[in-house]
Amino acid sequence: MTSRPNIPVLLGGLLCLVAVPGWADKAARASTTGQEQPADVEPPAPAALTAPSMAGPLSANPDPAKFDAGPVGDVFVTGALTGLAKWQSNAARIDRAAQADISNAQLFIQKTDGLLRFFVEGGLYSLPSLGTPYLRAAKATRHNFGPVPLAFATVAPSEDWSIQAGKLPSVSGVEYTFTFQNLNIERGLLWNPTSSVSRGVQVNHTMGPAALSFSLNDGFYSDRLTWLSGSASWTVDTGQTIAFAGAGNTRTTAVSTIATPLIQNNSQIYNLVYTYKSGPWTLTPNLQFTYVPRAASVGILNDAGTYGAALLANYTFDSAARLGELSLAGFSLPFRVEYIGSTGSVADNSPNLLYGPGSNAWSLTVTPTYQYERFFARAEFSYVGANHTAAGAAFGSSGSKKTQARILAETGFLF
């Protein structure tokens, strides 16, 4: 029998590591935007707004629409209108081999200065991720976070302190929730065990190159304020950052929905992320560990966990780069390599955290991208291979296939 670790003590001790030089960028921008920035890349310059945050290579509108809202002050309105097409091998029985869909039809409304600030995101979205069946935008919106996936207010008494409340981006994980925010169209294997949106309260504080965030929230959108999350970051210099984030449920919760998977909502998640930027390159190696304690009251009969590593990278071509007669200005080449393994076995009734207890998987994703002003287009090839899978838990109509290849295309406008 495994006892549950003391989450408040554990997180508090880990957050103290910010005092050690080298802890980094993951929360450095959360104190002013409320949207944690994955450590892969700074927000694109000269974008006027920092929310929703974008890891690149896509960049936000540098001249967003601004409206004078009287006593409220200036309010900015931006948006994303994008669609995708997808083909895949070994589609799951509940999925399709080929389809097209809306990936984002969203508006972002925000006030970014003064004591009281806010951010509201609304519309349709899909959440494609490697190795999982695709849920079309209408269903994804309805069964996940609703037509307003993010909405929070911020009280900022100073530039280095802020308090936020509402539907907030989760602290855990490296990749963002929506397609246009990320290096790749689909989120990776390490994204699947992490939460995306949580309801709760978050306190942020910056101290020079260091930044801290601490949150009481509902984890995987469970509507139960039982999760504690924290992050610590350190900007070493203009080209290097290190970040740590930890999150965990302090009390067993029986909620089980599409947005709130029962096993993951009773887990702990830890991320360590390093970023190196030099010239056209951005490299982000990261490590991730998750742990699910035994909780017989909700059917988790043994403990288990996942351990993974990934490299997210991007190469941006400069305006002088050419391929024969073709200018490569506006082109970039993001790619991602991942490995994730899980513990436990079918014999000891361990929870399934991947493709069966004790299974592991790796992935490769390449996403050539082009952007011209507000328009962008990108293609993507991905491949996932799984090992030690359980019967019916992998790919194909019978769940017995161990590989899946996908080809995607996404295009649209960021206005």
Protein backbone atom coordinates (compact mmCIF):
# COMPACT_ATOMS: atom_id res chain seq x y z
CA MET A 1 0.00 0.00 0.00
CA THR A 2 1.39 3.40 -1.00
CA SER A 3 0.71 6.51 1.06
CA ARG A 4 0.08 9.84 -0.64
CA PRO A 5 3.01 12.30 -0.32
CA ASN A 6 2.39 15.56 1.53
CA ILE A 7 1.81 17.81 -1.50
CA PRO A 8 1.93 21.22 0.26
CA VAL A 9 5.26 20.38 1.94
CA LEU A 10 6.66 18.86 -1.26
CA LEU A 11 5.73 21.82 -3.45
CA GLY A 12 6.92 24.31 -0.87
CA GLY A 13 10.32 22.65 -0.71
CA LEU A 14 10.66 22.48 -4.45
CA LEU A 15 9.74 26.11 -4.92
CA CYS A 16 12.53 27.09 -2.55
CA LEU A 17 14.93 25.97 -5.29
CA VAL A 18 14.39 29.31 -6.96
CA ALA A 19 17.15 30.61 -4.70
CA VAL A 20 19.64 28.43 -6.58
CA PRO A 21 21.01 30.23 -9.70
CA GLY A 22 19.66 28.53 -12.79
CA TRP A 23 15.90 28.16 -12.19
CA ALA A 24 14.02 29.61 -15.07
CA ASP A 25 11.67 31.13 -17.52
CA LYS A 26 8.48 29.09 -17.30
CA ALA A 27 6.68 31.49 -14.97
CA ALA A 28 8.65 34.62 -15.72
CA ARG A 29 5.89 36.17 -17.76
CA ALA A 30 2.94 34.74 -15.80
CA SER A 31 2.93 37.59 -13.33
CA THR A 32 1.67 40.09 -15.88
CA THR A 33 -0.24 37.94 -18.39
CA GLY A 34 -1.65 35.03 -16.38
CA GLN A 35 -0.61 32.72 -19.24
CA GLU A 36 2.46 30.71 -18.37
CA GLN A 37 4.98 30.80 -21.20
CA PRO A 38 6.65 27.53 -22.17
CA ALA A 39 10.36 27.93 -22.07
CA ASP A 40 10.85 27.42 -25.79
CA VAL A 41 10.85 31.06 -26.91
CA GLU A 42 10.07 34.63 -25.89
CA PRO A 43 6.81 36.26 -27.09
CA PRO A 44 7.34 37.47 -30.67
CA ALA A 45 8.47 41.06 -31.06
CA PRO A 46 7.09 43.57 -31.70
CA ALA A 47 3.72 42.16 -30.66
CA ALA A 48 1.81 44.67 -28.55
CA LEU A 49 0.06 42.00 -26.47
CA THR A 50 1.44 39.08 -24.50
CA ALA A 51 -1.81 37.10 -24.25
CA PRO A 52 -2.55 34.59 -25.52
CA SER A 53 1.12 33.64 -25.27
CA MET A 54 2.69 32.04 -28.33
CA ALA A 55 5.75 29.80 -28.42
CA GLY A 56 6.41 30.59 -32.09
CA PRO A 57 7.14 30.37 -34.88
CA LEU A 58 3.74 32.00 -35.48
CA SER A 59 3.55 35.59 -34.26
CA ALA A 60 0.63 37.64 -33.02
CA ASN A 61 -0.77 40.77 -34.66
CA PRO A 62 1.72 43.59 -33.89
CA ASP A 63 -1.02 46.22 -34.33
CA PRO A 64 -4.12 44.84 -32.56
CA ALA A 65 -7.49 46.55 -32.63
CA LYS A 66 -7.88 48.91 -29.68
CA PHE A 67 -11.09 50.45 -28.32
CA ASP A 68 -11.63 53.20 -25.76
CA ALA A 69 -14.00 51.68 -23.19
CA GLY A 70 -14.49 54.88 -21.21
CA PRO A 71 -13.80 54.45 -17.49
CA VAL A 72 -12.50 50.91 -18.12
CA GLY A 73 -9.69 52.22 -20.31
CA ASP A 74 -8.23 50.76 -23.50
CA VAL A 75 -9.51 47.31 -24.48
CA PHE A 76 -7.79 45.20 -27.14
CA VAL A 77 -9.57 42.71 -29.41
CA THR A 78 -7.67 40.08 -31.40
CA GLY A 79 -8.46 36.59 -32.68
CA ALA A 80 -7.57 33.41 -34.51
CA LEU A 81 -9.48 31.88 -37.43
CA THR A 82 -7.84 28.64 -38.53
CA GLY A 83 -8.70 25.28 -40.04
CA LEU A 84 -6.92 21.96 -40.45
CA ALA A 85 -6.98 18.79 -42.54
CA LYS A 86 -5.66 15.47 -41.25
CA TRP A 87 -4.81 12.00 -42.54
CA GLN A 88 -3.58 9.16 -40.36
CA SER A 89 -2.70 5.50 -40.46
CA ASN A 90 -4.13 2.96 -38.02
CA ALA A 91 -7.04 5.16 -36.95
CA ALA A 92 -8.81 4.13 -33.76
CA ARG A 93 -12.28 2.64 -34.07
CA ILE A 94 -13.84 5.90 -32.80
CA ASP A 95 -11.71 8.07 -35.11
CA ARG A 96 -11.46 8.72 -38.87
CA ALA A 97 -8.61 8.08 -41.30
CA ALA A 98 -9.07 11.51 -42.91
CA GLN A 99 -11.03 14.65 -42.05
CA ALA A 100 -11.05 18.44 -42.11
CA ASP A 101 -12.24 20.74 -39.34
CA ILE A 102 -12.03 24.16 -37.69
CA SER A 103 -9.06 24.30 -35.33
CA ASN A 104 -9.75 27.82 -33.97
CA ALA A 105 -12.53 30.37 -34.39
CA GLN A 106 -11.78 32.51 -31.36
CA LEU A 107 -11.79 36.11 -30.13
CA PHE A 108 -9.53 37.48 -27.38
CA ILE A 109 -10.65 40.53 -25.40
CA GLN A 110 -8.33 42.04 -22.82
CA LYS A 111 -7.30 45.00 -20.75
CA THR A 112 -3.55 44.99 -20.11
CA ASP A 113 -2.76 47.93 -17.82
CA GLY A 114 -3.81 49.54 -14.55
CA LEU A 115 -4.68 48.01 -11.20
CA LEU A 116 -7.54 45.92 -12.61
CA ARG A 117 -7.01 43.90 -15.78
CA PHE A 118 -8.77 41.03 -17.53
CA PHE A 119 -8.50 38.49 -20.33
CA VAL A 120 -11.40 36.65 -22.02
CA GLU A 121 -11.05 34.04 -24.77
CA GLY A 122 -14.14 32.75 -26.53
CA GLY A 123 -15.17 30.64 -29.52
CA LEU A 124 -14.66 27.21 -31.07
CA TYR A 125 -11.47 25.15 -30.85
CA SER A 126 -10.13 21.65 -31.27
CA LEU A 127 -7.32 20.10 -29.24
CA PRO A 128 -5.38 17.70 -31.51
CA SER A 129 -2.62 15.70 -29.82
CA LEU A 130 -0.39 12.82 -30.86
CA GLY A 131 -1.50 9.27 -30.26
CA THR A 132 -5.09 10.07 -29.31
CA PRO A 133 -8.33 10.14 -31.35
CA TYR A 134 -9.31 13.52 -32.78
CA LEU A 135 -12.41 15.22 -31.33
CA ARG A 136 -14.01 17.68 -33.74
CA ALA A 137 -14.20 21.35 -32.73
CA ALA A 138 -17.91 21.46 -31.88
CA LYS A 139 -17.60 18.44 -29.56
CA ALA A 140 -14.20 19.45 -28.20
CA THR A 141 -15.57 22.86 -27.21
CA ARG A 142 -18.69 21.41 -25.62
CA HIS A 143 -17.01 18.57 -23.72
CA ASN A 144 -13.84 20.34 -22.57
CA PHE A 145 -13.85 23.97 -21.37
CA GLY A 146 -16.94 25.38 -23.09
CA PRO A 147 -17.14 28.32 -25.51
CA VAL A 148 -15.19 30.53 -23.08
CA PRO A 149 -12.15 28.37 -22.31
CA LEU A 150 -10.19 31.13 -20.56
CA ALA A 151 -11.52 34.09 -18.56
CA PHE A 152 -9.74 35.66 -15.61
CA ALA A 153 -9.33 38.94 -13.79
CA THR A 154 -6.00 40.29 -12.58
CA VAL A 155 -5.26 42.67 -9.72
CA ALA A 156 -1.76 44.10 -10.18
CA PRO A 157 -0.85 46.47 -7.31
CA SER A 158 2.71 46.68 -8.70
CA GLU A 159 4.71 45.43 -11.65
CA ASP A 160 6.17 42.58 -9.59
CA TRP A 161 3.02 41.35 -7.81
CA SER A 162 -0.31 40.19 -9.19
CA ILE A 163 -3.29 38.06 -8.15
CA GLN A 164 -5.49 36.32 -10.71
CA ALA A 165 -8.78 34.47 -10.44
CA GLY A 166 -11.00 32.65 -12.92
CA LYS A 167 -10.37 30.09 -15.68
CA LEU A 168 -6.58 30.13 -15.93
CA PRO A 169 -3.94 28.33 -18.02
CA SER A 170 -2.52 25.47 -15.99
CA VAL A 171 0.98 25.77 -14.59
CA SER A 172 2.08 22.24 -15.53
CA GLY A 173 3.37 21.14 -18.93
CA VAL A 174 5.47 22.82 -21.59
CA GLU A 175 3.09 23.16 -24.54
CA TYR A 176 0.07 25.45 -24.70
CA THR A 177 -3.56 24.41 -25.18
CA PHE A 178 -4.46 25.75 -28.63
CA THR A 179 -2.82 24.94 -31.97
CA PHE A 180 -1.74 28.45 -33.02
CA GLN A 181 0.16 28.94 -29.74
CA ASN A 182 2.59 26.08 -30.30
CA LEU A 183 5.58 25.12 -32.44
CA ASN A 184 3.63 22.16 -33.83
CA ILE A 185 -0.01 21.74 -34.85
CA GLU A 186 -0.55 18.78 -32.53
CA ARG A 187 0.63 18.68 -28.94
CA GLY A 188 2.99 15.87 -28.04
CA LEU A 189 2.90 12.70 -25.97
CA LEU A 190 4.12 14.53 -22.85
CA TRP A 191 1.22 16.99 -23.11
CA ASN A 192 -1.43 14.29 -22.77
CA PRO A 193 -0.85 13.59 -19.01
CA THR A 194 -0.91 17.31 -18.10
CA SER A 195 -3.80 19.67 -17.41
CA SER A 196 -4.60 22.61 -19.69
CA VAL A 197 -7.18 24.88 -18.05
CA SER A 198 -7.91 25.13 -14.32
CA ARG A 199 -10.34 27.22 -12.32
CA GLY A 200 -8.85 28.88 -9.28
CA VAL A 201 -6.67 31.63 -7.84
CA GLN A 202 -3.02 32.33 -8.66
CA VAL A 203 -0.44 34.63 -7.03
CA ASN A 204 2.58 35.77 -9.07
CA HIS A 205 5.77 37.52 -7.98
CA THR A 206 8.91 38.53 -9.86
CA MET A 207 12.30 39.39 -8.37
CA GLY A 208 14.70 40.48 -11.08
CA PRO A 209 15.53 37.36 -13.12
CA ALA A 210 13.45 35.12 -10.84
CA ALA A 211 9.70 34.58 -10.97
CA LEU A 212 7.35 32.58 -8.75
CA SER A 213 3.73 31.52 -9.18
CA PHE A 214 1.50 29.65 -6.75
CA SER A 215 -2.06 28.50 -7.36
CA LEU A 216 -5.01 26.83 -5.64
CA ASN A 217 -7.13 25.33 -8.42
CA ASP A 218 -9.27 22.44 -9.67
CA GLY A 219 -6.54 20.64 -11.64
CA PHE A 220 -8.04 18.90 -14.66
CA TYR A 221 -11.12 21.16 -14.64
CA SER A 222 -12.78 19.07 -11.92
CA ASP A 223 -14.70 21.91 -10.23
CA ARG A 224 -13.06 20.85 -6.94
CA LEU A 225 -10.45 23.22 -5.48
CA THR A 226 -8.15 20.42 -4.33
CA TRP A 227 -5.03 21.07 -6.44
CA LEU A 228 -1.91 23.03 -5.50
CA SER A 229 0.39 24.20 -8.29
CA GLY A 230 3.59 26.20 -8.31
CA SER A 231 6.36 27.25 -10.65
CA ALA A 232 9.79 28.82 -10.28
CA SER A 233 11.92 30.28 -13.03
CA TRP A 234 15.29 31.91 -13.49
CA THR A 235 16.47 33.85 -16.53
CA VAL A 236 20.20 33.11 -16.65
CA ASP A 237 20.85 35.51 -19.53
CA THR A 238 19.22 36.57 -22.81
CA GLY A 239 19.85 33.14 -24.31
CA GLN A 240 19.27 30.75 -21.40
CA THR A 241 16.44 30.05 -18.99
CA ILE A 242 15.55 27.24 -16.60
CA ALA A 243 12.08 26.54 -15.21
CA PHE A 244 10.50 24.12 -12.77
CA ALA A 245 6.79 23.48 -12.24
CA GLY A 246 5.00 21.14 -9.88
CA ALA A 247 1.30 20.38 -9.40
CA GLY A 248 -0.72 17.81 -7.50
CA ASN A 249 -4.11 16.85 -6.13
CA THR A 250 -4.25 17.02 -2.33
CA ARG A 251 -7.45 14.97 -1.99
CA THR A 252 -8.86 12.02 -3.94
CA THR A 253 -11.54 13.20 -6.37
CA ALA A 254 -14.11 10.96 -8.09
CA VAL A 255 -14.99 13.30 -10.98
CA SER A 256 -14.64 11.62 -14.40
CA THR A 257 -15.39 13.40 -17.71
CA ILE A 258 -13.61 14.05 -21.02
CA ALA A 259 -12.09 17.21 -19.57
CA THR A 260 -11.44 15.53 -16.21
CA PRO A 261 -9.95 12.04 -16.69
CA LEU A 262 -10.25 10.34 -13.32
CA ILE A 263 -6.73 8.89 -13.14
CA GLN A 264 -4.89 12.01 -14.28
CA ASN A 265 -6.98 14.23 -12.02
CA ASN A 266 -5.67 12.28 -9.04
CA SER A 267 -2.03 12.66 -10.06
CA GLN A 268 1.04 14.78 -9.47
CA ILE A 269 2.99 16.43 -12.32
CA TYR A 270 6.55 17.79 -12.37
CA ASN A 271 8.40 19.54 -15.22
CA LEU A 272 11.98 20.74 -15.57
CA VAL A 273 12.65 22.84 -18.68
CA TYR A 274 15.82 24.40 -20.09
CA THR A 275 15.88 26.85 -23.00
CA TYR A 276 18.81 27.82 -25.17
CA LYS A 277 18.48 30.50 -27.86
CA SER A 278 21.19 31.48 -30.32
CA GLY A 279 20.71 33.13 -33.70
CA PRO A 280 18.04 31.28 -35.70
CA TRP A 281 17.89 28.37 -33.24
CA THR A 282 15.70 27.80 -30.19
CA LEU A 283 16.23 24.53 -28.31
CA THR A 284 14.06 23.40 -25.41
CA PRO A 285 14.94 20.08 -23.79
CA ASN A 286 12.59 19.16 -20.95
CA LEU A 287 11.94 16.39 -18.47
CA GLN A 288 8.55 15.35 -17.08
CA PHE A 289 7.44 13.01 -14.30
CA THR A 290 3.90 12.16 -13.21
CA TYR A 291 2.75 10.02 -10.30
CA VAL A 292 -0.67 8.53 -9.49
CA PRO A 293 -1.02 7.25 -5.90
CA ARG A 294 -3.19 4.29 -5.03
CA ALA A 295 -6.80 5.35 -4.35
CA ALA A 296 -9.03 2.29 -4.00
CA SER A 297 -12.08 4.46 -3.28
CA VAL A 298 -12.12 5.59 -6.94
CA GLY A 299 -10.87 2.33 -8.47
CA ILE A 300 -7.11 3.10 -8.60
CA LEU A 301 -5.90 -0.19 -7.12
CA ASN A 302 -2.16 0.39 -7.39
CA ASP A 303 0.14 3.35 -7.86
CA ALA A 304 1.86 4.13 -11.18
CA GLY A 305 3.61 6.95 -12.97
CA THR A 306 5.10 8.22 -16.21
CA TYR A 307 8.56 9.54 -16.99
CA GLY A 308 9.44 11.35 -20.18
CA ALA A 309 11.85 13.58 -22.03
CA ALA A 310 11.42 15.78 -25.07
CA LEU A 311 13.30 18.19 -27.27
CA LEU A 312 11.33 21.01 -28.88
CA ALA A 313 13.29 23.03 -31.41
CA ASN A 314 12.84 25.65 -34.10
CA TYR A 315 15.02 27.05 -36.86
CA THR A 316 13.88 30.39 -38.36
CA PHE A 317 15.21 31.37 -41.79
CA ASP A 318 16.32 34.98 -42.12
CA SER A 319 15.29 37.34 -44.92
CA ALA A 320 18.48 36.62 -46.92
CA ALA A 321 18.06 32.82 -46.97
CA ARG A 322 17.19 31.30 -50.34
CA LEU A 323 16.54 27.88 -51.83
CA GLY A 324 17.53 28.39 -55.43
CA GLU A 325 15.29 31.20 -56.67
CA LEU A 326 12.90 30.86 -53.74
CA SER A 327 13.24 33.29 -50.83
CA LEU A 328 12.90 31.59 -47.45
CA ALA A 329 11.85 34.76 -45.63
CA GLY A 330 8.85 33.93 -43.44
CA PHE A 331 9.71 30.23 -43.28
CA SER A 332 10.67 28.26 -40.17
CA LEU A 333 11.20 24.60 -39.33
CA PRO A 334 9.98 23.46 -35.89
CA PHE A 335 10.46 19.86 -34.82
CA ARG A 336 9.90 17.75 -31.70
CA VAL A 337 11.35 14.44 -30.47
CA GLU A 338 9.86 12.68 -27.42
CA TYR A 339 10.00 9.56 -25.30
CA ILE A 340 7.57 8.62 -22.53
CA GLY A 341 7.35 5.48 -20.42
CA SER A 342 4.89 4.28 -17.80
CA THR A 343 5.24 2.04 -14.75
CA GLY A 344 3.10 -0.79 -13.46
CA SER A 345 1.67 -3.91 -15.09
CA VAL A 346 -1.64 -5.47 -16.02
CA ALA A 347 -0.98 -8.24 -13.49
CA ASP A 348 -0.92 -5.87 -10.50
CA ASN A 349 -3.97 -3.86 -11.67
CA SER A 350 -1.97 -0.69 -12.26
CA PRO A 351 -3.80 2.22 -13.91
CA ASN A 352 -3.33 2.66 -17.65
CA LEU A 353 -1.40 5.92 -18.19
CA LEU A 354 -0.37 5.38 -21.81
CA TYR A 355 -1.06 2.34 -24.05
CA GLY A 356 -1.45 -0.11 -21.19
CA PRO A 357 0.33 -0.38 -17.82
CA GLY A 358 4.10 -0.53 -18.33
CA SER A 359 3.95 0.62 -21.95
CA ASN A 360 6.20 3.24 -23.54
CA ALA A 361 6.17 5.33 -26.70
CA TRP A 362 8.29 7.71 -28.75
CA SER A 363 7.41 10.33 -31.35
CA LEU A 364 8.92 12.51 -34.08
CA THR A 365 7.14 15.61 -35.41
CA VAL A 366 8.25 18.06 -38.12
CA THR A 367 6.17 21.16 -38.96
CA PRO A 368 7.45 23.40 -41.81
CA THR A 369 5.73 26.78 -41.34
CA TYR A 370 5.21 29.93 -43.40
CA GLN A 371 3.74 33.24 -42.19
CA TYR A 372 3.10 36.42 -44.16
CA GLU A 373 1.71 39.25 -42.05
CA ARG A 374 -1.51 37.87 -40.51
CA PHE A 375 -1.78 34.80 -42.78
CA PHE A 376 -0.01 31.53 -42.09
CA ALA A 377 0.16 28.02 -43.52
CA ARG A 378 1.96 24.98 -42.18
CA ALA A 379 2.22 21.27 -42.82
CA GLU A 380 3.08 18.55 -40.34
CA PHE A 381 4.34 14.98 -40.38
CA SER A 382 4.34 12.94 -37.17
CA TYR A 383 5.10 9.36 -36.26
CA VAL A 384 4.39 7.54 -32.99
CA GLY A 385 5.76 4.13 -32.04
CA ALA A 386 4.59 2.23 -28.94
CA ASN A 387 5.98 -0.80 -27.12
CA HIS A 388 4.76 -3.25 -24.45
CA THR A 389 1.17 -2.26 -25.22
CA ALA A 390 -1.85 -3.90 -23.63
CA ALA A 391 -4.47 -5.68 -25.74
CA GLY A 392 -6.86 -3.16 -27.28
CA ALA A 393 -5.04 -0.14 -25.85
CA ALA A 394 -2.93 1.00 -28.83
CA PHE A 395 -3.75 2.00 -32.44
CA GLY A 396 -6.04 0.74 -35.17
CA SER A 397 -9.63 -0.44 -35.07
CA SER A 398 -8.71 -3.33 -32.76
CA GLY A 399 -6.20 -1.37 -30.67
CA SER A 400 -3.45 -3.83 -31.58
CA LYS A 401 -1.29 -1.74 -33.94
CA LYS A 402 1.88 -0.23 -32.45
CA THR A 403 2.55 2.65 -34.84
CA GLN A 404 0.66 5.66 -36.16
CA ALA A 405 1.71 8.17 -38.82
CA ARG A 406 -0.13 11.44 -39.43
CA ILE A 407 0.00 14.18 -42.05
CA LEU A 408 -1.69 17.50 -41.21
CA ALA A 409 -2.08 20.92 -42.74
CA GLU A 410 -3.28 24.04 -40.93
CA THR A 411 -3.89 27.51 -42.32
CA GLY A 412 -5.65 30.69 -41.30
CA PHE A 413 -5.34 34.20 -39.94
CA LEU A 414 -4.18 35.69 -36.64
CA PHE A 415 -5.86 39.08 -36.54
